[in-house]
């Protein structure tokens, strides 16, 4: 039997060789490529470690699933979503649109903790998700959860479009540090990117026209060279109690309904952020917060002024 090093990569084509995507995933071995031709596939997918799941074209290769609005965290755990990735140390997903098409009017809190289906669920994994579209009528576009400090730091989301989600565009939960780069999160009902994972790097993303803030910083992480514009709350909202300092550097925050950057809690390091044409102040923070100004911020045309340090 050949060793994994000697084994040749196999290309499994859907629907030419396999009628469903999941059938191809189940047949694939680590290092194989599951290639999906253009079309709409009504499936819920469970990813397999080490494979590559690739669409022919992002906009016309679509995986759709309607999760019934009946699941609760405390009653059997969450159901399947269009794509679920659990306990995978490697792998690639690229060039596919994932849509959760069932609406869910329940609130995510409550005594039973209603589970609102996301388009992509990633738990305890360190894969790469590239150039995909994620839209959920029930919850977040991409949800990253479950504590896994060893693997989560290698997770990469690059060049994805998270649009028109009922929840957040991308949600990073506690303990799941990731690298987020070149993603576009827009027109979401909550925030563009919600980052509560310490050690995450969020760079060169665009967060615009979200109902809440562009980026919510809930942990000591690096927020660098992002564009946050025309959001319904702040461009960047910061509230964390970590000992370490979040680094908020060279971001553009413009035309947001509230402040360009607002600090509710925490002592972040601010450096050379451009805060312009926001409808409140450029920078606001509570008197208990002590932001460290590494480099001067650049202010221009904010409706109330540059800084309000004592809300």
Protein backbone atom coordinates (compact mmCIF):
# COMPACT_ATOMS: atom_id res chain seq x y z
CA UNK A 1 0.00 0.00 0.00
CA UNK A 2 1.45 3.43 -0.91
CA UNK A 3 2.23 5.83 1.88
CA UNK A 4 0.31 9.15 2.15
CA UNK A 5 3.37 10.88 0.67
CA UNK A 6 3.33 8.63 -2.42
CA UNK A 7 -0.41 8.75 -3.01
CA UNK A 8 -1.57 10.74 -6.04
CA UNK A 9 -4.24 13.42 -5.70
CA UNK A 10 -7.67 12.37 -6.96
CA UNK A 11 -10.22 14.76 -8.47
CA UNK A 12 -13.82 13.83 -7.71
CA UNK A 13 -16.28 15.69 -9.94
CA UNK A 14 -19.87 16.55 -9.02
CA UNK A 15 -22.26 15.73 -10.64
CA UNK A 16 -20.33 13.86 -13.36
CA UNK A 17 -18.91 11.17 -11.06
CA UNK A 18 -21.00 11.67 -7.92
CA UNK A 19 -24.65 12.68 -7.80
CA UNK A 20 -24.24 14.67 -4.57
CA UNK A 21 -21.46 16.73 -3.06
CA UNK A 22 -21.61 14.83 0.22
CA UNK A 23 -21.16 11.52 -1.58
CA UNK A 24 -17.98 12.88 -3.16
CA UNK A 25 -16.74 14.20 0.19
CA UNK A 26 -17.36 10.82 1.82
CA UNK A 27 -15.39 9.08 -0.95
CA UNK A 28 -12.46 11.53 -0.86
CA UNK A 29 -9.20 10.97 0.97
CA UNK A 30 -6.89 13.57 2.46
CA UNK A 31 -5.28 15.55 -0.36
CA UNK A 32 -8.11 14.91 -2.84
CA UNK A 33 -10.14 17.64 -4.57
CA UNK A 34 -13.93 17.54 -4.68
CA UNK A 35 -14.73 19.69 -7.71
CA UNK A 36 -18.30 21.00 -8.02
CA UNK A 37 -19.59 22.10 -11.39
CA UNK A 38 -21.92 25.07 -11.78
CA UNK A 39 -25.40 24.48 -10.44
CA UNK A 40 -27.60 24.64 -7.36
CA UNK A 41 -27.24 21.80 -4.85
CA UNK A 42 -29.81 21.42 -2.09
CA UNK A 43 -27.65 19.74 0.51
CA UNK A 44 -26.16 20.05 3.96
CA UNK A 45 -22.45 19.28 3.86
CA UNK A 46 -20.10 17.89 6.49
CA UNK A 47 -16.48 18.64 5.60
CA UNK A 48 -13.69 16.06 5.81
CA UNK A 49 -10.20 16.85 7.08
CA UNK A 50 -7.47 17.38 4.50
CA UNK A 51 -9.56 17.67 1.35
CA UNK A 52 -10.18 20.61 -0.97
CA UNK A 53 -13.80 21.52 -1.72
CA UNK A 54 -13.80 23.71 -4.84
CA UNK A 55 -16.56 25.24 -6.93
CA UNK A 56 -16.31 25.90 -10.64
CA UNK A 57 -17.52 29.49 -10.18
CA UNK A 58 -18.36 31.26 -6.94
CA UNK A 59 -21.50 32.98 -8.16
CA UNK A 60 -23.06 30.02 -9.96
CA UNK A 61 -21.95 27.10 -7.77
CA UNK A 62 -24.47 27.23 -4.92
CA UNK A 63 -25.16 25.02 -1.92
CA UNK A 64 -28.55 25.72 -0.37
CA UNK A 65 -30.17 24.26 2.69
CA UNK A 66 -33.29 25.09 4.71
CA UNK A 67 -32.74 24.24 8.36
CA UNK A 68 -36.12 24.05 10.13
CA UNK A 69 -36.46 26.67 12.89
CA UNK A 70 -36.83 24.12 15.68
CA UNK A 71 -33.32 23.50 17.04
CA UNK A 72 -32.04 24.37 20.51
CA UNK A 73 -28.53 24.14 21.94
CA UNK A 74 -29.71 22.32 25.05
CA UNK A 75 -31.83 19.81 23.16
CA UNK A 76 -29.57 17.74 20.97
CA UNK A 77 -27.27 20.48 19.73
CA UNK A 78 -27.42 22.48 16.53
CA UNK A 79 -28.67 20.95 13.27
CA UNK A 80 -26.78 20.92 10.00
CA UNK A 81 -26.11 24.05 7.97
CA UNK A 82 -25.16 24.34 4.30
CA UNK A 83 -21.56 23.68 5.40
CA UNK A 84 -20.35 22.31 8.74
CA UNK A 85 -16.63 21.90 9.55
CA UNK A 86 -15.76 20.19 12.83
CA UNK A 87 -12.40 19.00 14.18
CA UNK A 88 -10.50 19.44 10.92
CA UNK A 89 -6.83 20.41 11.20
CA UNK A 90 -6.43 21.10 7.47
CA UNK A 91 -8.42 21.59 4.29
CA UNK A 92 -9.58 24.22 1.81
CA UNK A 93 -13.03 25.47 0.81
CA UNK A 94 -13.16 27.86 -2.13
CA UNK A 95 -15.31 29.43 -4.84
CA UNK A 96 -18.75 28.35 -3.56
CA UNK A 97 -21.89 30.20 -2.47
CA UNK A 98 -23.51 28.84 0.72
CA UNK A 99 -27.08 29.87 1.52
CA UNK A 100 -29.24 29.04 4.54
CA UNK A 101 -32.62 29.82 3.00
CA UNK A 102 -35.05 29.13 5.89
CA UNK A 103 -36.00 32.14 7.97
CA UNK A 104 -36.16 31.88 11.75
CA UNK A 105 -37.98 34.55 13.73
CA UNK A 106 -36.98 33.19 17.15
CA UNK A 107 -34.64 35.07 19.45
CA UNK A 108 -31.27 33.39 20.01
CA UNK A 109 -31.46 33.80 23.77
CA UNK A 110 -34.11 32.48 26.11
CA UNK A 111 -34.22 29.49 28.42
CA UNK A 112 -33.55 26.92 25.68
CA UNK A 113 -31.06 28.95 23.63
CA UNK A 114 -32.57 28.75 20.18
CA UNK A 115 -30.00 27.81 17.52
CA UNK A 116 -30.30 30.03 14.46
CA UNK A 117 -28.73 28.28 11.49
CA UNK A 118 -25.65 29.87 9.93
CA UNK A 119 -24.53 29.49 6.34
CA UNK A 120 -21.10 28.14 7.38
CA UNK A 121 -20.26 26.63 10.78
CA UNK A 122 -16.60 26.06 11.71
CA UNK A 123 -15.77 24.44 15.04
CA UNK A 124 -12.35 23.46 16.43
CA UNK A 125 -10.76 23.58 12.98
CA UNK A 126 -7.92 25.26 11.12
CA UNK A 127 -8.95 25.20 7.48
CA UNK A 128 -8.84 27.91 4.79
CA UNK A 129 -12.08 29.35 3.43
CA UNK A 130 -11.42 31.44 0.32
CA UNK A 131 -13.56 33.41 -2.12
CA UNK A 132 -16.89 32.04 -0.89
CA UNK A 133 -20.27 33.72 -0.36
CA UNK A 134 -22.15 33.16 2.91
CA UNK A 135 -25.76 34.24 3.42
CA UNK A 136 -28.19 33.07 6.10
CA UNK A 137 -31.79 34.18 6.50
CA UNK A 138 -31.68 32.79 10.05
CA UNK A 139 -28.27 33.62 11.59
CA UNK A 140 -24.68 34.55 10.81
CA UNK A 141 -22.89 34.16 7.50
CA UNK A 142 -19.82 32.42 8.96
CA UNK A 143 -19.83 31.26 12.58
CA UNK A 144 -16.61 30.12 14.27
CA UNK A 145 -17.08 28.48 17.63
CA UNK A 146 -15.94 25.89 20.22
CA UNK A 147 -12.76 26.32 22.25
CA UNK A 148 -9.69 24.97 20.46
CA UNK A 149 -6.63 27.12 21.09
CA UNK A 150 -4.24 24.73 19.30
CA UNK A 151 -5.98 24.59 15.94
CA UNK A 152 -8.03 27.76 15.70
CA UNK A 153 -5.03 30.09 15.34
CA UNK A 154 -4.39 28.58 11.90
CA UNK A 155 -7.89 29.30 10.60
CA UNK A 156 -7.91 31.62 7.58
CA UNK A 157 -10.89 33.40 6.02
CA UNK A 158 -9.74 35.20 2.89
CA UNK A 159 -11.68 37.07 0.23
CA UNK A 160 -15.17 35.96 1.24
CA UNK A 161 -18.43 37.87 0.81
CA UNK A 162 -20.77 37.75 3.81
CA UNK A 163 -23.87 39.63 2.76
CA UNK A 164 -27.49 40.14 3.85
CA UNK A 165 -27.33 37.88 6.90
CA UNK A 166 -29.95 38.06 9.61
CA UNK A 167 -27.09 37.98 12.14
CA UNK A 168 -23.45 39.00 11.76
CA UNK A 169 -21.41 38.69 8.61
CA UNK A 170 -18.63 36.82 10.47
CA UNK A 171 -18.82 35.80 14.14
CA UNK A 172 -15.64 34.76 15.98
CA UNK A 173 -16.41 33.34 19.41
CA UNK A 174 -14.13 33.24 22.45
CA UNK A 175 -11.06 31.04 22.12
CA UNK A 176 -11.08 30.69 18.34
CA UNK A 177 -8.43 33.06 17.06
CA UNK A 178 -8.34 33.40 13.29
CA UNK A 179 -6.88 35.42 10.46
CA UNK A 180 -9.49 37.40 8.54
CA UNK A 181 -8.30 39.21 5.44
CA UNK A 182 -9.85 40.76 2.34
CA UNK A 183 -13.40 39.78 3.31
CA UNK A 184 -16.40 41.97 2.47
CA UNK A 185 -19.16 42.01 5.10
CA UNK A 186 -22.07 44.20 4.10
CA UNK A 187 -25.80 44.69 4.51
CA UNK A 188 -25.96 42.42 7.57
CA UNK A 189 -28.61 42.84 10.25
CA UNK A 190 -26.00 42.93 13.04
CA UNK A 191 -22.26 43.66 12.75
CA UNK A 192 -20.01 43.08 9.80
CA UNK A 193 -17.33 41.26 11.85
CA UNK A 194 -17.81 40.32 15.50
CA UNK A 195 -14.44 39.37 16.99
CA UNK A 196 -14.30 38.09 20.57
CA UNK A 197 -11.35 35.76 19.98
CA UNK A 198 -8.11 36.93 21.57
CA UNK A 199 -5.12 36.87 19.23
CA UNK A 200 -7.10 37.22 16.01
CA UNK A 201 -5.77 39.29 13.12
CA UNK A 202 -8.41 41.21 11.18
CA UNK A 203 -6.87 43.07 8.27
CA UNK A 204 -7.91 44.72 5.00
CA UNK A 205 -11.58 43.82 5.27
CA UNK A 206 -14.50 45.99 4.14
CA UNK A 207 -17.47 46.30 6.49
CA UNK A 208 -20.21 48.56 5.19
CA UNK A 209 -23.93 49.19 5.43
CA UNK A 210 -24.36 46.88 8.42
CA UNK A 211 -27.22 47.65 10.79
CA UNK A 212 -24.94 47.66 13.85
CA UNK A 213 -21.20 48.42 13.83
CA UNK A 214 -18.70 47.59 11.11
CA UNK A 215 -16.36 45.68 13.45
CA UNK A 216 -17.08 44.74 17.08
CA UNK A 217 -13.85 44.12 19.03
CA UNK A 218 -14.48 41.96 22.08
CA UNK A 219 -10.92 40.76 22.80
CA UNK A 220 -7.28 41.76 22.50
CA UNK A 221 -6.76 41.35 18.77
CA UNK A 222 -5.21 43.19 15.83
CA UNK A 223 -7.58 45.30 13.73
CA UNK A 224 -5.51 46.75 10.90
CA UNK A 225 -6.22 48.60 7.65
CA UNK A 226 -9.92 47.81 7.48
CA UNK A 227 -12.57 50.02 5.91
CA UNK A 228 -15.75 50.56 7.95
CA UNK A 229 -18.24 52.86 6.31
CA UNK A 230 -21.94 53.70 6.39
CA UNK A 231 -22.74 51.41 9.31
CA UNK A 232 -25.77 52.01 11.53
CA UNK A 233 -23.75 52.30 14.73
CA UNK A 234 -19.97 52.86 15.05
CA UNK A 235 -17.32 52.07 12.51
CA UNK A 236 -15.36 50.10 15.13
CA UNK A 237 -16.87 49.34 18.55
CA UNK A 238 -14.48 48.16 21.29
CA UNK A 239 -15.51 46.46 24.51
CA UNK A 240 -13.26 43.89 26.20
CA UNK A 241 -11.72 43.08 29.59
CA UNK A 242 -8.58 41.19 28.49
CA UNK A 243 -5.28 42.10 30.11
CA UNK A 244 -3.64 42.56 26.71
CA UNK A 245 -4.24 45.52 24.46
CA UNK A 246 -6.10 45.40 21.18
CA UNK A 247 -4.20 47.08 18.34
CA UNK A 248 -6.43 49.33 16.22
CA UNK A 249 -4.23 50.61 13.42
CA UNK A 250 -4.61 52.46 10.12
CA UNK A 251 -8.31 51.78 9.69
CA UNK A 252 -10.65 54.01 7.69
CA UNK A 253 -13.93 54.72 9.48
CA UNK A 254 -16.20 57.06 7.57
CA UNK A 255 -19.84 58.04 7.25
CA UNK A 256 -20.96 55.87 10.17
CA UNK A 257 -24.14 56.87 11.97
CA UNK A 258 -22.39 57.12 15.35
CA UNK A 259 -18.63 57.43 16.03
CA UNK A 260 -15.79 56.37 13.81
CA UNK A 261 -14.32 54.45 16.79
CA UNK A 262 -16.08 53.98 20.13
CA UNK A 263 -14.41 52.44 23.20
CA UNK A 264 -16.87 51.11 25.75
CA UNK A 265 -14.30 49.12 27.78
CA UNK A 266 -10.63 48.29 27.41
CA UNK A 267 -7.33 50.03 26.82
CA UNK A 268 -6.60 49.55 23.13
CA UNK A 269 -3.66 50.96 21.25
CA UNK A 270 -4.78 53.39 18.54
CA UNK A 271 -2.50 54.33 15.68
CA UNK A 272 -3.09 56.46 12.57
CA UNK A 273 -6.75 55.65 12.07
CA UNK A 274 -8.59 57.92 9.63
CA UNK A 275 -11.90 58.98 11.18
CA UNK A 276 -13.90 61.14 8.83
CA UNK A 277 -17.43 62.31 8.08
CA UNK A 278 -19.02 60.29 10.89
CA UNK A 279 -22.36 61.54 12.15
CA UNK A 280 -21.23 61.74 15.80
CA UNK A 281 -17.61 62.23 16.91
CA UNK A 282 -14.57 60.75 15.24
CA UNK A 283 -13.52 59.03 18.50
CA UNK A 284 -15.53 58.48 21.68
CA UNK A 285 -14.69 56.61 24.85
CA UNK A 286 -15.76 56.35 28.47
CA UNK A 287 -13.63 58.01 31.13
CA UNK A 288 -12.71 54.61 32.61
CA UNK A 289 -11.06 53.54 29.37
CA UNK A 290 -7.49 54.57 28.69
CA UNK A 291 -6.69 54.24 25.00
CA UNK A 292 -3.01 54.50 24.13
CA UNK A 293 -2.34 56.81 21.22
CA UNK A 294 0.64 55.27 19.43
CA UNK A 295 0.33 57.60 16.43
CA UNK A 296 -2.01 60.57 15.96
CA UNK A 297 -5.44 59.80 14.55
CA UNK A 298 -6.54 61.64 11.43
CA UNK A 299 -9.84 63.50 11.83
CA UNK A 300 -11.89 65.18 9.14
CA UNK A 301 -15.46 66.44 8.95
CA UNK A 302 -17.06 64.54 11.86
CA UNK A 303 -20.41 66.14 12.73
CA UNK A 304 -19.86 66.69 16.48
CA UNK A 305 -16.09 67.08 16.50
CA UNK A 306 -12.93 65.02 16.85
CA UNK A 307 -12.98 63.40 20.32
CA UNK A 308 -15.45 63.01 23.17
CA UNK A 309 -13.60 61.28 26.06
CA UNK A 310 -16.31 61.26 28.72
CA UNK A 311 -19.63 59.83 27.58
